[in-house]
Amino acid sequence: MALRLLPFLILIAFGCERRSPPHDVESQVAAYGVDYPTALSSAYRSVPGLKGFFLLAGCTDAAGSEGYCSDLEKLLVFYGDARFSDAVASTTSNVCEKIVPFLAYVSAYGEHEGEWRKFRSTFPRTALLVSSR
């Protein structure tokens, strides 16, 4: 009887959801069949590419998330507050829910008041998306 329960105990102990490899963002996203440099390049080329890049928010964890946040911040600067926040706001609520925590990290929302104040003055529309969720 105990041996029959062993597979279930293993699933409970380790979880049964798909986990990303504990590497950088490129490796983590590759586990989902996406070429990260191509997705990033596409994000710089067009707003639809940017919105596609937002979909990768659910594919990273740990060190991968830091790399993703870094690129997300660069894209925010590249597009500017209005175009970037419009792109975020025009996504589905599910995508928006995944991207906002990354923006909160980039903006230091709830962590460092001085950095948040600076972010809020530089990117007011994006900051509003972060603080309203």
Protein backbone atom coordinates (compact mmCIF):
# COMPACT_ATOMS: atom_id res chain seq x y z
CA MET A 1 0.00 0.00 0.00
CA ALA A 2 2.76 2.46 0.91
CA LEU A 3 4.54 1.81 -2.41
CA ARG A 4 1.36 2.62 -4.32
CA LEU A 5 1.23 6.03 -2.66
CA LEU A 6 4.86 6.84 -3.40
CA PRO A 7 4.25 8.47 -6.83
CA PHE A 8 1.54 10.69 -5.37
CA LEU A 9 3.72 11.69 -2.45
CA ILE A 10 6.48 12.64 -4.89
CA LEU A 11 4.04 14.77 -6.91
CA ILE A 12 2.85 16.49 -3.75
CA ALA A 13 6.38 17.09 -2.49
CA PHE A 14 7.78 18.45 -5.75
CA GLY A 15 4.68 19.82 -7.43
CA CYS A 16 3.32 18.76 -10.76
CA GLU A 17 3.38 22.02 -12.67
CA ARG A 18 5.97 22.68 -15.34
CA ARG A 19 9.02 24.33 -13.86
CA SER A 20 11.55 26.47 -15.64
CA PRO A 21 15.18 25.45 -15.50
CA PRO A 22 17.07 27.50 -12.90
CA HIS A 23 19.15 29.42 -15.43
CA ASP A 24 19.05 32.76 -17.17
CA VAL A 25 16.06 34.24 -18.96
CA GLU A 26 17.03 32.82 -22.36
CA SER A 27 17.16 29.27 -21.01
CA GLN A 28 13.92 29.62 -19.10
CA VAL A 29 12.01 31.00 -22.07
CA ALA A 30 13.56 28.38 -24.38
CA ALA A 31 11.87 25.73 -22.22
CA TYR A 32 8.60 27.10 -23.65
CA GLY A 33 9.88 26.99 -27.21
CA VAL A 34 10.61 30.71 -27.54
CA ASP A 35 13.84 32.24 -28.79
CA TYR A 36 14.37 35.12 -26.37
CA PRO A 37 16.71 37.25 -28.50
CA THR A 38 14.22 37.07 -31.39
CA ALA A 39 11.32 38.01 -29.10
CA LEU A 40 13.31 40.92 -27.67
CA SER A 41 14.30 42.13 -31.12
CA SER A 42 10.66 41.97 -32.19
CA ALA A 43 9.69 43.99 -29.11
CA TYR A 44 11.96 46.80 -30.24
CA ARG A 45 10.62 46.72 -33.79
CA SER A 46 6.90 47.16 -33.13
CA VAL A 47 4.18 47.56 -30.52
CA PRO A 48 2.70 44.16 -31.47
CA GLY A 49 6.18 42.71 -30.85
CA LEU A 50 6.27 44.49 -27.50
CA LYS A 51 2.91 43.00 -26.57
CA GLY A 52 4.26 39.59 -27.58
CA PHE A 53 7.22 40.18 -25.29
CA PHE A 54 4.80 40.80 -22.42
CA LEU A 55 3.59 37.21 -22.82
CA LEU A 56 6.98 35.99 -21.60
CA ALA A 57 6.32 37.39 -18.12
CA GLY A 58 4.84 34.08 -17.01
CA CYS A 59 7.83 32.06 -18.23
CA THR A 60 10.53 33.26 -15.85
CA ASP A 61 11.52 32.96 -12.24
CA ALA A 62 14.51 33.88 -10.05
CA ALA A 63 17.50 35.02 -12.13
CA GLY A 64 15.46 34.87 -15.31
CA SER A 65 13.04 37.40 -13.90
CA GLU A 66 15.85 39.84 -13.21
CA GLY A 67 17.00 39.65 -16.82
CA TYR A 68 13.43 40.03 -18.05
CA CYS A 69 12.89 43.07 -15.79
CA SER A 70 16.07 44.66 -17.08
CA ASP A 71 14.92 44.29 -20.67
CA LEU A 72 11.41 45.45 -19.78
CA GLU A 73 12.83 48.63 -18.26
CA LYS A 74 14.92 49.28 -21.39
CA LEU A 75 11.81 48.83 -23.52
CA LEU A 76 9.93 51.31 -21.33
CA VAL A 77 12.66 53.89 -21.93
CA PHE A 78 12.77 53.06 -25.64
CA TYR A 79 9.02 53.43 -26.21
CA GLY A 80 8.37 56.15 -23.68
CA ASP A 81 5.71 56.27 -21.03
CA ALA A 82 2.64 56.88 -23.22
CA ARG A 83 3.24 54.19 -25.86
CA PHE A 84 4.47 51.64 -23.33
CA SER A 85 1.60 52.13 -20.88
CA ASP A 86 -0.91 52.05 -23.75
CA ALA A 87 0.58 48.72 -24.86
CA VAL A 88 0.31 47.28 -21.35
CA ALA A 89 -3.23 48.59 -20.88
CA SER A 90 -4.34 47.13 -24.22
CA THR A 91 -3.39 43.57 -23.27
CA THR A 92 -5.76 41.07 -21.72
CA SER A 93 -6.31 41.27 -17.98
CA ASN A 94 -4.42 38.00 -17.60
CA VAL A 95 -1.31 39.36 -19.34
CA CYS A 96 -1.61 42.65 -17.48
CA GLU A 97 -1.74 40.77 -14.16
CA LYS A 98 1.51 39.02 -15.06
CA ILE A 99 3.37 42.08 -16.32
CA VAL A 100 2.49 44.53 -13.52
CA PRO A 101 4.54 42.73 -10.82
CA PHE A 102 7.59 43.00 -13.07
CA LEU A 103 6.92 46.71 -13.49
CA ALA A 104 6.48 47.03 -9.73
CA TYR A 105 9.93 45.49 -9.30
CA VAL A 106 11.45 47.81 -11.92
CA SER A 107 9.84 50.85 -10.28
CA ALA A 108 10.68 49.82 -6.69
CA TYR A 109 6.98 50.21 -5.86
CA GLY A 110 6.42 49.50 -2.18
CA GLU A 111 10.12 48.92 -1.61
CA HIS A 112 12.02 52.18 -1.95
CA GLU A 113 10.08 55.43 -1.79
CA GLY A 114 12.80 57.56 -3.40
CA GLU A 115 13.13 55.26 -6.42
CA TRP A 116 9.36 54.95 -6.72
CA ARG A 117 8.99 58.75 -6.64
CA LYS A 118 11.61 59.08 -9.40
CA PHE A 119 9.88 56.38 -11.49
CA ARG A 120 6.48 57.98 -10.93
CA SER A 121 7.72 61.39 -12.12
CA THR A 122 9.47 59.93 -15.17
CA PHE A 123 6.77 57.41 -16.17
CA PRO A 124 3.50 58.66 -14.64
CA ARG A 125 1.14 56.60 -16.81
CA THR A 126 3.04 53.38 -16.26
CA ALA A 127 3.27 54.17 -12.55
CA LEU A 128 -0.50 54.54 -12.46
CA LEU A 129 -0.87 51.04 -13.92
CA VAL A 130 1.42 49.69 -11.20
CA SER A 131 -0.18 51.48 -8.27
CA SER A 132 -3.75 50.74 -9.34
CA ARG A 133 -3.33 46.95 -9.31
